[in-house]
């Protein structure tokens, strides 16, 4: 369970009055989702040089509580916390060394928490509901995306938003950034139409309210939970 209070109840707890933390005790060992890996920080930051703008384009607004699944270095988590402050923002990632970097970067961001956990286990770990849940460049690695989306519904507040950012479904050799092909293998990429069909197969309650191209190689779709 994660509380919106400064202190979090057992078995997950925040040290002292500092709500920026990693759950060191309950951390999971292991790697990333199949077919996913955290990109090198240098080129990733250059690719997404204005994360605040991207978040706002994808519908994030002041005062929304946020769950960032597969948050990595916190490149989007920390700007999200600054946009929605004082609302709670929780970043989740299984890669402990990378998440430690996110924690370090967020030392002065009082409404940002980090959880070292497999995102597939989050519905069993978190009982909070959120206004806005986002997954960035990770959806293609989910072993059962339909079931994952079904679980997302239980974590959303009424009229909450689910935001998905994916690599475009074009050949990997065509997604060149800093002189190298980037992103997942071509066969793993998910088109917007495929994403829409996955969400529809999972639930009729998540309705697409926005689809945008995110230059140069991504797209984003935002869904809203209907009552």
Protein backbone atom coordinates (compact mmCIF):
# COMPACT_ATOMS: atom_id res chain seq x y z
CA UNK A 1 0.00 0.00 0.00
CA UNK A 2 1.14 3.54 -0.72
CA UNK A 3 -0.38 6.41 1.18
CA UNK A 4 -0.64 10.01 0.04
CA UNK A 5 0.54 11.05 3.49
CA UNK A 6 4.16 12.03 4.14
CA UNK A 7 4.68 8.72 5.90
CA UNK A 8 3.73 5.48 4.20
CA UNK A 9 2.27 2.54 6.13
CA UNK A 10 3.97 -0.86 6.49
CA UNK A 11 5.24 -2.82 4.61
CA UNK A 12 6.42 0.17 2.54
CA UNK A 13 7.75 3.10 4.52
CA UNK A 14 9.39 6.44 3.84
CA UNK A 15 12.41 7.37 5.98
CA UNK A 16 11.74 10.26 8.33
CA UNK A 17 9.81 13.08 6.72
CA UNK A 18 11.39 12.58 3.32
CA UNK A 19 8.78 11.28 0.86
CA UNK A 20 11.36 10.78 -1.91
CA UNK A 21 12.51 7.22 -1.47
CA UNK A 22 13.12 3.77 -2.81
CA UNK A 23 11.77 0.67 -1.16
CA UNK A 24 15.19 -0.82 -0.43
CA UNK A 25 13.92 -3.67 1.75
CA UNK A 26 11.33 -5.11 -0.61
CA UNK A 27 13.28 -4.55 -3.82
CA UNK A 28 13.05 -7.27 -6.42
CA UNK A 29 16.01 -8.93 -8.07
CA UNK A 30 16.00 -9.48 -11.80
CA UNK A 31 15.95 -7.64 -15.07
CA UNK A 32 13.51 -5.75 -17.19
CA UNK A 33 10.45 -6.92 -19.03
CA UNK A 34 11.15 -9.27 -21.93
CA UNK A 35 12.29 -7.33 -25.01
CA UNK A 36 12.83 -4.10 -23.09
CA UNK A 37 15.87 -2.35 -21.73
CA UNK A 38 16.57 1.10 -20.37
CA UNK A 39 18.19 3.26 -23.06
CA UNK A 40 21.49 4.97 -22.49
CA UNK A 41 20.78 8.12 -20.54
CA UNK A 42 22.79 10.47 -22.75
CA UNK A 43 20.91 9.87 -25.99
CA UNK A 44 17.56 9.39 -24.24
CA UNK A 45 17.73 12.82 -22.60
CA UNK A 46 18.65 14.40 -25.92
CA UNK A 47 15.78 12.63 -27.67
CA UNK A 48 13.35 13.92 -25.03
CA UNK A 49 14.80 17.34 -24.34
CA UNK A 50 11.48 18.84 -23.15
CA UNK A 51 9.73 16.22 -21.02
CA UNK A 52 7.44 18.81 -19.42
CA UNK A 53 6.06 19.74 -22.83
CA UNK A 54 5.50 16.10 -23.75
CA UNK A 55 3.63 15.45 -20.51
CA UNK A 56 1.36 18.42 -21.04
CA UNK A 57 0.70 17.40 -24.65
CA UNK A 58 -0.33 14.00 -23.31
CA UNK A 59 -2.89 15.59 -21.01
CA UNK A 60 -1.14 15.95 -17.66
CA UNK A 61 -2.54 18.84 -15.64
CA UNK A 62 -1.80 20.55 -12.35
CA UNK A 63 -3.14 18.74 -9.30
CA UNK A 64 -3.30 15.26 -10.84
CA UNK A 65 -1.84 12.33 -8.92
CA UNK A 66 0.44 10.28 -11.18
CA UNK A 67 1.72 6.70 -11.48
CA UNK A 68 4.68 6.39 -13.87
CA UNK A 69 5.23 2.73 -14.82
CA UNK A 70 8.72 1.86 -16.01
CA UNK A 71 10.00 5.27 -14.93
CA UNK A 72 13.71 4.57 -15.41
CA UNK A 73 15.88 7.57 -14.59
CA UNK A 74 12.82 9.63 -13.66
CA UNK A 75 13.21 11.75 -16.79
CA UNK A 76 9.43 12.13 -16.98
CA UNK A 77 8.58 11.35 -13.35
CA UNK A 78 10.35 14.35 -11.87
CA UNK A 79 8.92 16.92 -14.32
CA UNK A 80 5.49 15.36 -13.72
CA UNK A 81 5.90 15.96 -9.99
CA UNK A 82 6.80 19.56 -10.65
CA UNK A 83 3.75 20.04 -12.89
CA UNK A 84 1.22 18.52 -10.47
CA UNK A 85 2.72 19.60 -7.12
CA UNK A 86 1.63 19.05 -4.38
CA UNK A 87 -0.19 15.98 -5.76
CA UNK A 88 1.54 12.63 -5.32
CA UNK A 89 3.70 11.14 -8.09
CA UNK A 90 4.96 7.54 -7.87
CA UNK A 91 7.61 6.20 -10.24
CA UNK A 92 8.01 2.43 -10.55
CA UNK A 93 10.88 0.47 -12.09
CA UNK A 94 12.51 -2.91 -11.55
CA UNK A 95 16.03 -1.71 -12.43
CA UNK A 96 17.41 -0.77 -9.01
CA UNK A 97 20.65 1.01 -10.04
CA UNK A 98 18.77 3.19 -12.52
CA UNK A 99 16.02 3.92 -10.01
CA UNK A 100 18.69 4.99 -7.51
CA UNK A 101 19.74 7.63 -10.03
CA UNK A 102 16.15 8.84 -10.20
CA UNK A 103 16.02 9.10 -6.43
CA UNK A 104 19.21 11.11 -6.40
CA UNK A 105 17.86 13.51 -9.03
CA UNK A 106 14.61 13.98 -7.12
CA UNK A 107 16.06 14.89 -3.73
CA UNK A 108 14.48 18.34 -3.79
CA UNK A 109 11.10 17.16 -5.16
CA UNK A 110 8.97 16.58 -2.09
CA UNK A 111 5.93 14.97 -3.75
CA UNK A 112 7.81 12.30 -5.73
CA UNK A 113 8.14 8.70 -4.50
CA UNK A 114 9.98 5.80 -6.12
CA UNK A 115 9.21 2.10 -5.85
CA UNK A 116 11.63 -0.65 -6.93
CA UNK A 117 9.18 -3.21 -8.24
CA UNK A 118 8.12 -5.16 -11.31
CA UNK A 119 5.36 -3.12 -12.95
CA UNK A 120 3.41 -6.33 -13.57
CA UNK A 121 3.04 -6.75 -9.80
CA UNK A 122 1.90 -3.20 -9.10
CA UNK A 123 -1.83 -3.97 -8.63
CA UNK A 124 -0.81 -6.30 -5.78
CA UNK A 125 1.50 -3.69 -4.22
CA UNK A 126 -0.35 -0.39 -4.57
CA UNK A 127 -3.89 0.22 -3.35
CA UNK A 128 -3.96 3.93 -4.19
CA UNK A 129 -5.86 5.13 -7.20
CA UNK A 130 -4.43 7.81 -9.48
CA UNK A 131 -5.72 10.54 -11.75
CA UNK A 132 -3.11 9.78 -14.40
CA UNK A 133 -1.16 6.61 -15.19
CA UNK A 134 1.55 6.65 -17.83
CA UNK A 135 3.78 4.05 -19.48
CA UNK A 136 6.48 5.33 -21.82
CA UNK A 137 8.29 3.22 -24.46
CA UNK A 138 7.67 0.02 -22.50
CA UNK A 139 4.25 -1.23 -23.60
CA UNK A 140 5.76 -3.31 -26.43
CA UNK A 141 7.54 -5.52 -23.87
CA UNK A 142 4.46 -6.54 -21.90
CA UNK A 143 3.95 -10.33 -22.02
CA UNK A 144 0.15 -9.99 -21.72
CA UNK A 145 -0.85 -6.43 -22.61
CA UNK A 146 -4.60 -7.10 -22.47
CA UNK A 147 -4.39 -8.32 -18.86
CA UNK A 148 -2.08 -5.44 -17.99
CA UNK A 149 -4.63 -2.90 -19.24
CA UNK A 150 -7.38 -4.62 -17.25
CA UNK A 151 -5.32 -4.18 -14.11
CA UNK A 152 -4.71 -0.52 -14.91
CA UNK A 153 -8.44 0.15 -14.61
CA UNK A 154 -8.39 -0.77 -10.92
CA UNK A 155 -5.65 1.81 -10.28
CA UNK A 156 -7.43 4.73 -11.94
CA UNK A 157 -9.69 7.17 -10.19
CA UNK A 158 -13.09 7.83 -11.79
CA UNK A 159 -12.53 9.81 -15.00
CA UNK A 160 -8.79 9.14 -14.71
CA UNK A 161 -6.39 8.99 -17.65
CA UNK A 162 -4.13 6.26 -19.03
CA UNK A 163 -1.33 7.57 -21.24
CA UNK A 164 0.75 5.34 -23.53
CA UNK A 165 3.79 6.52 -25.50
CA UNK A 166 5.20 4.05 -28.03
CA UNK A 167 7.87 3.92 -30.67
CA UNK A 168 6.32 4.21 -34.11
CA UNK A 169 5.81 0.93 -35.96
CA UNK A 170 8.45 1.60 -38.59
CA UNK A 171 11.66 -0.37 -39.23
CA UNK A 172 14.24 0.05 -36.50
CA UNK A 173 16.86 0.96 -39.07
CA UNK A 174 14.77 4.03 -39.88
CA UNK A 175 14.71 5.33 -36.30
CA UNK A 176 18.19 6.86 -36.30
CA UNK A 177 19.24 9.05 -33.40
CA UNK A 178 22.80 10.25 -32.90
CA UNK A 179 23.97 8.08 -35.80
CA UNK A 180 22.57 4.79 -34.49
CA UNK A 181 19.27 2.91 -34.84
CA UNK A 182 17.31 3.14 -31.60
CA UNK A 183 14.31 1.54 -29.98
CA UNK A 184 12.87 -1.99 -29.96
CA UNK A 185 13.16 -4.50 -32.76
CA UNK A 186 10.88 -3.83 -35.71
CA UNK A 187 8.70 -6.87 -35.06
CA UNK A 188 7.97 -5.76 -31.49
CA UNK A 189 6.68 -2.31 -32.36
CA UNK A 190 2.99 -1.62 -31.89
CA UNK A 191 1.00 0.55 -34.27
CA UNK A 192 -1.61 2.97 -32.94
CA UNK A 193 -4.34 0.74 -34.41
CA UNK A 194 -2.93 -2.29 -32.59
CA UNK A 195 -2.75 -0.39 -29.30
CA UNK A 196 -6.35 0.73 -29.68
CA UNK A 197 -7.43 -2.86 -30.34
CA UNK A 198 -5.54 -4.14 -27.28
CA UNK A 199 -7.19 -1.61 -24.98
CA UNK A 200 -10.61 -2.32 -26.50
CA UNK A 201 -10.12 -6.07 -25.95
CA UNK A 202 -9.23 -5.38 -22.32
CA UNK A 203 -12.08 -3.07 -21.39
CA UNK A 204 -14.82 -0.90 -22.84
CA UNK A 205 -14.28 1.64 -20.07
CA UNK A 206 -11.05 3.15 -21.44
CA UNK A 207 -11.88 5.44 -24.34
CA UNK A 208 -9.22 7.12 -26.48
CA UNK A 209 -9.53 10.89 -26.16
CA UNK A 210 -6.28 11.96 -27.82
CA UNK A 211 -3.73 10.65 -30.29
CA UNK A 212 -0.61 12.66 -31.13
CA UNK A 213 2.60 12.28 -33.07
CA UNK A 214 5.64 12.91 -30.89
CA UNK A 215 8.58 13.97 -33.01
CA UNK A 216 10.72 12.34 -34.20
CA UNK A 217 9.89 8.64 -33.66
CA UNK A 218 7.05 8.21 -31.17
CA UNK A 219 3.30 8.56 -30.88
CA UNK A 220 1.07 8.86 -27.86
CA UNK A 221 -2.51 7.90 -27.09
CA UNK A 222 -4.38 9.05 -24.00
CA UNK A 223 -7.39 7.10 -22.75
CA UNK A 224 -10.02 8.28 -20.28
CA UNK A 225 -11.80 5.99 -17.83
CA UNK A 226 -15.56 6.06 -18.30
CA UNK A 227 -17.88 5.32 -15.38
